[in-house]
Amino acid sequence: MDELLKKVLARDHLCWPCTVCFVRKMASSAAGTISTKISQYTLERANRTRLLIENCYAQALAQCHEREKRLQKLEEKMEMEGLSESEKVVRRQVHMAKETDFLRLKRTRLTVADFTSLKVIGRGAFGEVRLVQKIDTGHVYAMKILRKTEMLEKEQTAHVRAERDILSEADCEWVVKMYFSFQDPLNLYLVMEFLPGGDMMTLLIKKDTLSEDATKFYIAEAALAIQAIHNLNFIHRDIKPDNLLLDSKLIARSEIIATTFQGHIKLSDFGLCTGLKKAHRTEYYRNWPSQLPKDFVTKPLGSKRKAETWKRNRRAIAYSTVGTPDYIAPEIFQPNGYTKACDWWSLGVIMYEMLIGYPPFCSETPQETYRKVINWKQTLLFPPEMPISIDAKTTIKKFCSEPEHRLGHSDGVEELKTCQFFRGIDWNNIRKCPAPIRVDVKSIDDTSNFDEFPDADLRIRLAASGNDSLAMEV
């Protein structure tokens, strides 16, 4: 990292020792003789400053490499097209103008005043999501607004930082794009692409269950999304239907643009995406007894009533601070640690829910759900009144198994390709295939696939001035 910083600092005509020497000394002084003279608070701030500097210049260098790659692709394309030198010059000028506009946009400091709030489309324990329109361009986005006081009180700043980092790093078709991020004295803002198709949770509530063909398609897409995250060396840890959003693609019919969108999966909500810290909510469950009660009945009871109860309480669970342990892999609750395999467990639980109508460990209380997850070898059962194919059942069992034997734990999607259940999936072109369930919307800002939230109940106060500033480094 030192060599990388030196290279970029030299490019920017900055002095390497003056820029990082002080913060490196401060951050490493805990092991030295001067550690007693500097408070822990100062050391932590120095270390954060060092990380900010390193990340800043690492991103600058990465962006420089990306620009070089784009220019190289342009040159290769022009050679293939057999353009004359004069035509190439014109193409290069247009390309460089676009690059300049992009860099100028990145340097622009945005505030809430640059957006018009259209509607609240989601809420959570720490804030809300609004449909907004950028005033100067008219483009529509989803803006996640997080209250600083809530984040500080519940020690969620690391989770917000993780979400912002992965959204900025991930540039692929399987991850929701983040366009801007900024803050004011009261709130943090993540401005992301708006997907009018809603999420998988809403789709499952509407449909109850999905066919095996539809399940195969969506699980395959979700697997590719998980693989994309793992390729960035992140573990999501919070894979659930709420975080599987439905992409949209406008289809043209004849001379009229139709209001039909085809839903493909994109992964979102990376607040728990980490390899660093345990989630706050897993600590919440660890204090509970994990043993099943002696009168526990192994036969699944009342599948219809269980499905109705799950459906009725699903939204309330999604909006709670602690959430539900239904989709969390058992090893996350254990002190021995976990790997990327935990995300494949969650995918198996979602597959079960798609086919059966509720998760396999669904219970009346989170405490009981937690115990069932921990004791999954006794509680992972399939109701006889909801028959599914042997291939589907086998695949779910492979997902929901010991981490070292779990489907996907070793070679990711490559392991799924060998499963009989996924036969017929065109893995390389799946996003070009029509989705099994069509998502219809009236316009690009249609919110019919989202819940209704009264603005008066959810309005977050925006900072009017800098006088009430709340210190929070993200």
Protein backbone atom coordinates (compact mmCIF):
# COMPACT_ATOMS: atom_id res chain seq x y z
CA MET A 1 0.00 0.00 0.00
CA ASP A 2 2.92 2.39 0.73
CA GLU A 3 4.23 2.05 -2.83
CA LEU A 4 0.74 2.61 -4.21
CA LEU A 5 0.35 5.79 -2.16
CA LYS A 6 3.77 7.07 -3.19
CA LYS A 7 2.90 6.62 -6.85
CA VAL A 8 -0.36 8.51 -6.65
CA LEU A 9 0.99 11.20 -4.32
CA ALA A 10 3.84 11.83 -6.76
CA ARG A 11 1.29 12.19 -9.54
CA ASP A 12 -0.57 14.79 -7.48
CA HIS A 13 2.67 16.60 -6.49
CA LEU A 14 2.10 15.85 -2.82
CA CYS A 15 4.79 15.06 -0.24
CA TRP A 16 4.67 11.47 0.93
CA PRO A 17 6.19 12.03 4.40
CA CYS A 18 4.10 15.11 5.15
CA THR A 19 0.89 13.41 4.05
CA VAL A 20 1.00 10.12 5.89
CA CYS A 21 3.92 10.10 8.30
CA PHE A 22 2.03 11.71 11.15
CA VAL A 23 -1.06 9.52 10.97
CA ARG A 24 1.06 6.37 10.61
CA LYS A 25 3.02 7.26 13.73
CA MET A 26 -0.16 8.01 15.61
CA ALA A 27 -1.87 4.81 14.49
CA SER A 28 1.10 2.60 15.37
CA SER A 29 2.04 4.28 18.63
CA ALA A 30 -0.07 1.90 20.70
CA ALA A 31 2.82 -0.56 20.56
CA GLY A 32 5.49 2.07 21.27
CA THR A 33 6.75 3.99 24.23
CA ILE A 34 4.57 7.05 23.63
CA SER A 35 1.30 5.13 23.83
CA THR A 36 0.71 6.36 27.38
CA LYS A 37 0.79 9.99 26.23
CA ILE A 38 -1.95 9.61 23.62
CA SER A 39 -5.52 8.72 24.42
CA GLN A 40 -7.23 5.71 22.84
CA TYR A 41 -9.71 8.08 21.23
CA THR A 42 -6.88 9.96 19.48
CA LEU A 43 -5.30 6.70 18.33
CA GLU A 44 -8.58 5.52 16.86
CA ARG A 45 -9.08 8.80 15.02
CA ALA A 46 -5.52 8.66 13.69
CA ASN A 47 -6.06 5.13 12.45
CA ARG A 48 -9.32 6.13 10.76
CA THR A 49 -7.53 9.04 9.11
CA ARG A 50 -4.84 6.71 7.80
CA LEU A 51 -7.48 4.39 6.36
CA LEU A 52 -9.29 7.31 4.76
CA ILE A 53 -6.10 8.49 3.07
CA GLU A 54 -5.22 5.01 1.84
CA ASN A 55 -8.73 4.36 0.57
CA CYS A 56 -8.89 7.74 -1.13
CA TYR A 57 -5.73 7.24 -3.15
CA ALA A 58 -6.37 3.56 -3.77
CA GLN A 59 -9.70 4.50 -5.34
CA ALA A 60 -8.04 7.28 -7.33
CA LEU A 61 -5.50 4.85 -8.74
CA ALA A 62 -8.21 2.27 -9.49
CA GLN A 63 -10.24 4.90 -11.33
CA CYS A 64 -7.15 5.83 -13.32
CA HIS A 65 -6.74 2.19 -14.37
CA GLU A 66 -10.42 2.05 -15.34
CA ARG A 67 -10.02 5.12 -17.56
CA GLU A 68 -7.03 3.51 -19.25
CA LYS A 69 -9.03 0.33 -19.85
CA ARG A 70 -11.93 2.27 -21.36
CA LEU A 71 -9.57 4.11 -23.70
CA GLN A 72 -7.92 0.84 -24.69
CA LYS A 73 -11.32 -0.71 -25.48
CA LEU A 74 -12.16 2.31 -27.61
CA GLU A 75 -8.91 1.95 -29.55
CA GLU A 76 -9.56 -1.76 -30.13
CA LYS A 77 -13.11 -1.06 -31.27
CA MET A 78 -11.95 1.61 -33.71
CA GLU A 79 -9.35 -0.77 -35.16
CA MET A 80 -12.02 -3.44 -35.66
CA GLU A 81 -14.26 -0.92 -37.41
CA GLY A 82 -11.42 0.17 -39.68
CA LEU A 83 -11.82 3.90 -39.02
CA SER A 84 -9.57 6.47 -40.61
CA GLU A 85 -7.20 8.53 -38.47
CA SER A 86 -9.41 11.61 -38.69
CA GLU A 87 -12.43 9.59 -37.57
CA LYS A 88 -10.42 8.18 -34.69
CA VAL A 89 -9.50 11.69 -33.56
CA VAL A 90 -13.17 12.68 -33.44
CA ARG A 91 -14.06 9.53 -31.46
CA ARG A 92 -11.24 10.20 -28.99
CA GLN A 93 -12.39 13.78 -28.47
CA VAL A 94 -15.95 12.65 -27.74
CA HIS A 95 -14.65 9.98 -25.38
CA MET A 96 -12.42 12.40 -23.48
CA ALA A 97 -15.28 14.90 -23.19
CA LYS A 98 -17.41 12.21 -21.53
CA GLU A 99 -14.57 11.29 -19.17
CA THR A 100 -14.15 14.95 -18.22
CA ASP A 101 -17.87 15.34 -17.54
CA PHE A 102 -17.78 12.23 -15.38
CA LEU A 103 -14.84 13.49 -13.32
CA ARG A 104 -16.51 16.87 -12.90
CA LEU A 105 -19.66 15.12 -11.67
CA LYS A 106 -17.65 13.10 -9.12
CA ARG A 107 -16.17 16.31 -7.72
CA THR A 108 -19.58 17.89 -7.28
CA ARG A 109 -20.69 18.19 -3.65
CA LEU A 110 -24.34 17.25 -3.41
CA THR A 111 -26.90 18.05 -0.74
CA VAL A 112 -30.51 17.12 -0.14
CA ALA A 113 -31.48 20.38 -1.85
CA ASP A 114 -30.32 18.88 -5.16
CA PHE A 115 -33.16 16.34 -5.04
CA THR A 116 -36.94 16.48 -4.96
CA SER A 117 -38.53 13.91 -2.66
CA LEU A 118 -41.40 12.15 -4.45
CA LYS A 119 -42.48 9.41 -2.08
CA VAL A 120 -41.42 7.20 0.82
CA ILE A 121 -41.02 3.65 -0.51
CA GLY A 122 -39.40 1.89 2.43
CA ARG A 123 -38.48 2.17 6.06
CA GLY A 124 -36.22 0.44 8.53
CA ALA A 125 -34.92 0.59 12.05
CA PHE A 126 -32.51 3.43 11.29
CA GLY A 127 -34.23 5.47 8.61
CA GLU A 128 -36.19 5.29 5.40
CA VAL A 129 -35.91 5.02 1.63
CA ARG A 130 -37.39 7.69 -0.59
CA LEU A 131 -38.03 7.92 -4.29
CA VAL A 132 -36.29 11.13 -5.33
CA GLN A 133 -35.67 13.07 -8.52
CA LYS A 134 -32.45 14.96 -9.21
CA ILE A 135 -33.45 18.51 -10.01
CA ASP A 136 -30.90 19.32 -12.71
CA THR A 137 -31.20 16.07 -14.72
CA GLY A 138 -34.66 14.76 -13.86
CA HIS A 139 -33.24 11.30 -13.18
CA VAL A 140 -35.08 9.19 -10.61
CA TYR A 141 -33.25 7.43 -7.76
CA ALA A 142 -33.86 5.59 -4.51
CA MET A 143 -32.37 7.56 -1.62
CA LYS A 144 -31.61 5.73 1.61
CA ILE A 145 -31.65 8.18 4.52
CA LEU A 146 -30.07 7.04 7.79
CA ARG A 147 -30.36 8.99 11.03
CA LYS A 148 -26.97 9.59 12.62
CA THR A 149 -28.32 9.48 16.16
CA GLU A 150 -29.85 6.05 15.58
CA MET A 151 -26.69 4.72 13.97
CA LEU A 152 -24.48 5.96 16.80
CA GLU A 153 -26.76 4.72 19.56
CA LYS A 154 -26.93 1.24 18.07
CA GLU A 155 -23.27 1.17 16.99
CA GLN A 156 -24.11 0.64 13.34
CA THR A 157 -21.53 2.96 11.77
CA ALA A 158 -19.34 0.03 10.68
CA HIS A 159 -22.33 -1.51 8.91
CA VAL A 160 -23.10 1.71 7.06
CA ARG A 161 -19.46 2.02 6.04
CA ALA A 162 -19.49 -1.57 4.78
CA GLU A 163 -22.60 -0.93 2.70
CA ARG A 164 -21.19 2.24 1.18
CA ASP A 165 -17.85 0.58 0.40
CA ILE A 166 -19.29 -2.44 -1.37
CA LEU A 167 -21.79 -0.36 -3.34
CA SER A 168 -18.97 1.85 -4.56
CA GLU A 169 -16.70 -1.10 -5.38
CA ALA A 170 -19.25 -3.36 -7.04
CA ASP A 171 -19.81 -2.45 -10.66
CA CYS A 172 -21.75 -5.38 -12.02
CA GLU A 173 -25.22 -6.26 -13.21
CA TRP A 174 -26.04 -8.25 -10.05
CA VAL A 175 -25.63 -5.45 -7.51
CA VAL A 176 -27.74 -2.34 -7.05
CA LYS A 177 -25.74 0.64 -8.27
CA MET A 178 -24.89 3.53 -5.97
CA TYR A 179 -24.49 6.88 -7.72
CA PHE A 180 -23.89 9.32 -4.86
CA SER A 181 -23.26 9.34 -1.12
CA PHE A 182 -23.12 12.36 1.18
CA GLN A 183 -24.12 13.53 4.64
CA ASP A 184 -25.39 16.54 6.53
CA PRO A 185 -25.40 17.26 10.28
CA LEU A 186 -28.39 14.97 10.87
CA ASN A 187 -28.41 12.18 8.29
CA LEU A 188 -26.40 9.97 5.97
CA TYR A 189 -27.54 9.57 2.37
CA LEU A 190 -26.96 6.77 -0.14
CA VAL A 191 -28.41 7.56 -3.57
CA MET A 192 -28.94 4.35 -5.54
CA GLU A 193 -30.69 3.20 -8.67
CA PHE A 194 -34.45 2.79 -8.34
CA LEU A 195 -35.85 -0.60 -9.31
CA PRO A 196 -39.64 -0.32 -9.81
CA GLY A 197 -40.13 -4.08 -9.67
CA GLY A 198 -40.04 -4.15 -5.86
CA ASP A 199 -38.45 -7.03 -3.97
CA MET A 200 -38.79 -10.79 -3.68
CA MET A 201 -40.53 -10.51 -0.31
CA THR A 202 -43.40 -8.57 -1.90
CA LEU A 203 -43.56 -11.05 -4.78
CA LEU A 204 -43.75 -14.02 -2.41
CA ILE A 205 -46.47 -12.34 -0.35
CA LYS A 206 -48.51 -11.86 -3.52
CA LYS A 207 -47.89 -15.32 -4.97
CA ASP A 208 -47.68 -17.46 -1.78
CA THR A 209 -45.52 -20.03 -3.60
CA LEU A 210 -43.63 -20.22 -6.88
CA SER A 211 -43.41 -23.03 -9.39
CA GLU A 212 -40.23 -25.08 -9.52
CA ASP A 213 -39.31 -23.51 -12.86
CA ALA A 214 -39.68 -19.99 -11.45
CA THR A 215 -37.80 -20.99 -8.29
CA LYS A 216 -34.98 -22.48 -10.35
CA PHE A 217 -34.64 -19.24 -12.32
CA TYR A 218 -34.62 -16.88 -9.33
CA ILE A 219 -32.34 -19.06 -7.20
CA ALA A 220 -29.88 -19.30 -10.12
CA GLU A 221 -29.86 -15.51 -10.47
CA ALA A 222 -29.49 -15.03 -6.71
CA ALA A 223 -26.57 -17.49 -6.76
CA LEU A 224 -24.82 -15.45 -9.45
CA ALA A 225 -25.41 -12.30 -7.38
CA ILE A 226 -23.91 -13.95 -4.30
CA GLN A 227 -20.96 -15.12 -6.37
CA ALA A 228 -20.37 -11.53 -7.52
CA ILE A 229 -20.20 -10.38 -3.90
CA HIS A 230 -17.86 -13.21 -2.94
CA ASN A 231 -15.58 -12.34 -5.86
CA LEU A 232 -15.11 -8.95 -4.20
CA ASN A 233 -14.08 -10.78 -1.00
CA PHE A 234 -17.21 -9.77 0.87
CA ILE A 235 -19.62 -11.95 2.82
CA HIS A 236 -23.17 -10.62 2.68
CA ARG A 237 -24.54 -12.42 5.80
CA ASP A 238 -28.02 -11.02 5.29
CA ILE A 239 -29.34 -12.79 2.20
CA LYS A 240 -33.14 -12.81 2.38
CA PRO A 241 -36.09 -12.06 0.06
CA ASP A 242 -36.21 -8.42 1.24
CA ASN A 243 -32.73 -7.86 -0.22
CA LEU A 244 -33.40 -9.47 -3.60
CA LEU A 245 -34.70 -6.58 -5.70
CA LEU A 246 -36.27 -6.96 -9.12
CA ASP A 247 -34.50 -5.19 -11.93
CA SER A 248 -36.44 -3.58 -14.73
CA LYS A 249 -36.00 -3.45 -18.47
CA LEU A 250 -38.19 -1.34 -20.70
CA ILE A 251 -39.44 -3.25 -23.73
CA ALA A 252 -40.42 -1.57 -26.99
CA ARG A 253 -43.46 -2.80 -28.86
CA SER A 254 -43.93 -1.55 -32.43
CA GLU A 255 -43.71 2.25 -32.38
CA ILE A 256 -44.96 2.58 -28.81
CA ILE A 257 -42.86 2.12 -25.71
CA ALA A 258 -44.70 -0.43 -23.62
CA THR A 259 -44.95 -0.10 -19.85
CA THR A 260 -43.78 -3.65 -19.32
CA PHE A 261 -40.74 -4.52 -17.24
CA GLN A 262 -39.10 -7.91 -16.89
CA GLY A 263 -37.81 -8.59 -13.38
CA HIS A 264 -34.29 -9.86 -12.88
CA ILE A 265 -32.63 -10.06 -9.49
CA LYS A 266 -30.22 -7.49 -8.07
CA LEU A 267 -28.73 -7.76 -4.60
CA SER A 268 -29.03 -4.90 -2.11
CA ASP A 269 -28.69 -3.94 1.56
CA PHE A 270 -25.06 -4.58 2.43
CA GLY A 271 -25.21 -3.19 5.96
CA LEU A 272 -24.03 -6.50 7.42
CA CYS A 273 -21.68 -7.26 4.54
CA THR A 274 -18.35 -7.88 6.20
CA GLY A 275 -15.56 -10.14 7.13
CA LEU A 276 -14.74 -7.97 10.11
CA LYS A 277 -17.46 -7.65 12.74
CA LYS A 278 -20.28 -9.77 14.00
CA ALA A 279 -23.75 -8.37 13.42
CA HIS A 280 -25.38 -6.66 16.37
CA ARG A 281 -28.46 -8.77 16.00
CA THR A 282 -26.65 -12.11 16.16
CA GLU A 283 -25.34 -11.06 19.56
CA TYR A 284 -28.96 -10.43 20.52
CA TYR A 285 -29.82 -14.09 19.91
CA ARG A 286 -26.77 -15.64 21.52
CA ASN A 287 -28.06 -15.12 25.03
CA TRP A 288 -31.01 -17.41 24.38
CA PRO A 289 -30.97 -21.13 25.20
CA SER A 290 -30.30 -23.17 22.08
CA GLN A 291 -31.67 -26.52 23.24
CA LEU A 292 -35.01 -27.68 21.90
CA PRO A 293 -37.72 -28.24 24.51
CA LYS A 294 -38.27 -31.87 25.53
CA ASP A 295 -41.81 -31.83 24.16
CA PHE A 296 -40.68 -30.66 20.73
CA VAL A 297 -42.66 -32.42 17.98
CA THR A 298 -40.65 -33.36 14.89
CA LYS A 299 -43.70 -33.62 12.66
CA PRO A 300 -44.51 -30.30 10.93
CA LEU A 301 -47.90 -29.09 12.08
CA GLY A 302 -50.45 -26.79 10.46
CA SER A 303 -48.62 -25.83 7.29
CA LYS A 304 -51.51 -23.70 6.07
CA ARG A 305 -51.83 -21.86 9.38
CA LYS A 306 -48.06 -21.46 9.56
CA ALA A 307 -47.99 -19.95 6.07
CA GLU A 308 -50.80 -17.55 6.93
CA THR A 309 -49.09 -16.46 10.15
CA TRP A 310 -45.78 -15.97 8.38
CA LYS A 311 -47.38 -13.94 5.62
CA ARG A 312 -49.28 -11.78 8.10
CA ASN A 313 -46.19 -10.96 10.19
CA ARG A 314 -43.63 -10.80 7.40
CA ARG A 315 -43.60 -7.03 6.87
CA ALA A 316 -43.42 -6.24 10.58
CA ILE A 317 -40.39 -8.54 10.86
CA ALA A 318 -38.72 -6.81 7.92
CA TYR A 319 -39.01 -3.40 9.59
CA SER A 320 -37.84 -4.46 13.07
CA THR A 321 -34.42 -3.60 14.49
CA VAL A 322 -33.44 -7.17 15.31
CA GLY A 323 -35.09 -8.83 12.34
CA THR A 324 -35.53 -12.57 12.18
CA PRO A 325 -33.03 -15.45 12.44
CA ASP A 326 -34.96 -17.43 9.80
CA TYR A 327 -32.35 -16.89 7.07
CA ILE A 328 -29.19 -16.78 9.20
CA ALA A 329 -26.82 -19.75 9.01
CA PRO A 330 -26.34 -21.56 12.35
CA GLU A 331 -22.58 -21.04 12.42
CA ILE A 332 -23.05 -17.25 12.57
CA PHE A 333 -24.58 -17.73 16.03
CA GLN A 334 -21.57 -19.77 17.15
CA PRO A 335 -18.30 -18.32 18.52
CA ASN A 336 -16.14 -20.35 16.11
CA GLY A 337 -16.59 -18.00 13.16
CA TYR A 338 -18.03 -18.44 9.69
CA THR A 339 -17.11 -18.29 6.01
CA LYS A 340 -18.75 -17.36 2.72
CA ALA A 341 -20.69 -20.61 3.04
CA CYS A 342 -23.18 -18.82 5.30
CA ASP A 343 -24.65 -17.02 2.27
CA TRP A 344 -25.36 -20.33 0.52
CA TRP A 345 -27.30 -21.54 3.57
CA SER A 346 -29.53 -18.46 3.30
CA LEU A 347 -30.14 -19.22 -0.36
CA GLY A 348 -31.37 -22.69 0.56
CA VAL A 349 -33.81 -21.21 3.09
CA ILE A 350 -35.16 -18.83 0.43
CA MET A 351 -35.56 -21.73 -2.01
CA TYR A 352 -37.57 -23.62 0.62
CA GLU A 353 -39.79 -20.58 1.17
CA MET A 354 -40.40 -20.14 -2.56
CA LEU A 355 -41.62 -23.71 -2.90
CA ILE A 356 -43.37 -24.27 0.46
CA GLY A 357 -44.68 -20.81 1.29
CA TYR A 358 -42.69 -20.10 4.48
CA PRO A 359 -39.11 -20.66 5.72
CA PRO A 360 -38.21 -24.09 7.15
CA PHE A 361 -37.64 -22.80 10.69
CA CYS A 362 -40.67 -20.50 10.83
CA SER A 363 -42.09 -20.30 14.38
CA GLU A 364 -44.38 -18.23 16.54
CA THR A 365 -41.48 -16.41 18.21
CA PRO A 366 -37.91 -15.46 17.19
CA GLN A 367 -36.62 -17.42 20.18
CA GLU A 368 -38.16 -20.63 18.90
CA THR A 369 -36.93 -19.91 15.38
CA TYR A 370 -33.42 -19.45 16.73
CA ARG A 371 -33.53 -22.81 18.52
CA LYS A 372 -34.77 -24.51 15.36
CA VAL A 373 -31.95 -23.01 13.28
CA ILE A 374 -29.34 -24.15 15.79
CA ASN A 375 -30.87 -27.65 15.82
CA TRP A 376 -31.49 -27.77 12.07
CA LYS A 377 -30.67 -31.47 11.77
CA GLN A 378 -33.86 -32.26 13.69
CA THR A 379 -36.01 -29.38 12.44
CA LEU A 380 -35.36 -29.17 8.68
CA LEU A 381 -38.53 -30.97 7.58
CA PHE A 382 -40.74 -30.97 4.50
CA PRO A 383 -44.54 -30.92 4.97
CA PRO A 384 -46.17 -33.84 3.12
CA GLU A 385 -49.13 -31.66 2.07
CA MET A 386 -46.73 -29.49 0.03
CA PRO A 387 -45.00 -32.02 -2.24
CA ILE A 388 -41.93 -30.93 -4.16
CA SER A 389 -39.62 -32.87 -6.46
CA ILE A 390 -36.78 -35.04 -5.19
CA ASP A 391 -34.30 -32.81 -7.03
CA ALA A 392 -35.63 -29.69 -5.29
CA LYS A 393 -35.59 -31.36 -1.88
CA THR A 394 -32.05 -32.66 -2.42
CA THR A 395 -30.81 -29.22 -3.47
CA ILE A 396 -32.32 -27.56 -0.38
CA LYS A 397 -30.66 -30.16 1.85
CA LYS A 398 -27.32 -29.52 0.14
CA PHE A 399 -27.66 -25.80 0.80
CA CYS A 400 -28.79 -26.29 4.40
CA SER A 401 -26.03 -28.56 5.61
CA GLU A 402 -22.71 -28.40 7.46
CA PRO A 403 -20.54 -25.52 6.18
CA GLU A 404 -17.78 -27.79 4.90
CA HIS A 405 -20.27 -29.88 2.89
CA ARG A 406 -22.59 -27.06 1.83
CA LEU A 407 -23.47 -26.58 -1.82
CA GLY A 408 -21.46 -23.64 -3.15
CA HIS A 409 -18.94 -23.47 -0.30
CA SER A 410 -15.99 -24.56 -2.43
CA ASP A 411 -16.50 -23.51 -6.06
CA GLY A 412 -19.58 -21.33 -5.80
CA VAL A 413 -21.87 -21.34 -8.81
CA GLU A 414 -19.80 -24.02 -10.53
CA GLU A 415 -21.11 -26.52 -7.97
CA LEU A 416 -24.71 -25.49 -8.66
CA LYS A 417 -24.26 -26.15 -12.37
CA THR A 418 -23.83 -29.85 -11.64
CA CYS A 419 -27.14 -30.12 -9.75
CA GLN A 420 -30.04 -31.83 -11.53
CA PHE A 421 -32.43 -29.21 -10.23
CA PHE A 422 -30.70 -26.46 -12.23
CA ARG A 423 -30.55 -28.32 -15.52
CA GLY A 424 -31.67 -26.17 -18.42
CA ILE A 425 -30.38 -22.90 -16.93
CA ASP A 426 -28.35 -20.82 -19.38
CA TRP A 427 -25.93 -19.50 -16.77
CA ASN A 428 -24.00 -17.26 -19.16
CA ASN A 429 -27.05 -15.53 -20.63
CA ILE A 430 -29.67 -15.77 -17.90
CA ARG A 431 -30.22 -12.00 -17.69
CA LYS A 432 -31.06 -11.99 -21.38
CA CYS A 433 -33.78 -14.59 -20.82
CA PRO A 434 -37.32 -13.46 -19.94
CA ALA A 435 -38.07 -13.68 -16.23
CA PRO A 436 -40.75 -16.26 -15.30
CA ILE A 437 -42.94 -13.63 -13.62
CA ARG A 438 -43.45 -10.41 -15.54
CA VAL A 439 -43.43 -7.16 -13.62
CA ASP A 440 -45.76 -4.52 -15.02
CA VAL A 441 -45.37 -0.85 -14.15
CA LYS A 442 -46.86 2.30 -15.62
CA SER A 443 -43.70 4.40 -15.67
CA ILE A 444 -40.12 4.49 -14.48
CA ASP A 445 -41.24 6.17 -11.23
CA ASP A 446 -44.16 3.81 -10.59
CA THR A 447 -44.20 2.67 -6.94
CA SER A 448 -47.12 0.24 -7.13
CA ASN A 449 -44.82 -2.65 -6.19
CA PHE A 450 -43.90 -0.99 -2.89
CA ASP A 451 -45.76 -0.54 0.38
CA GLU A 452 -47.65 2.65 1.14
CA PHE A 453 -46.11 4.78 3.88
CA PRO A 454 -47.85 7.91 5.21
CA ASP A 455 -45.31 10.73 4.87
CA ALA A 456 -46.39 12.30 8.15
CA ASP A 457 -45.48 9.15 10.09
CA LEU A 458 -42.05 8.63 8.54
CA ARG A 459 -40.71 12.06 7.69
CA ILE A 460 -37.08 12.44 8.72
CA ARG A 461 -36.00 15.93 9.72
CA LEU A 462 -33.37 17.26 7.33
CA ALA A 463 -30.56 19.52 8.47
CA ALA A 464 -31.33 23.16 7.80
CA SER A 465 -27.93 24.44 8.84
CA GLY A 466 -24.58 23.27 10.12
CA ASN A 467 -25.15 24.51 13.67
CA ASP A 468 -26.53 21.22 14.95
CA SER A 469 -23.73 19.13 13.53
CA LEU A 470 -23.32 15.61 14.83
CA ALA A 471 -19.85 14.13 14.43
CA MET A 472 -19.91 10.77 12.69
CA GLU A 473 -17.16 9.56 10.38
CA VAL A 474 -18.30 7.14 7.71
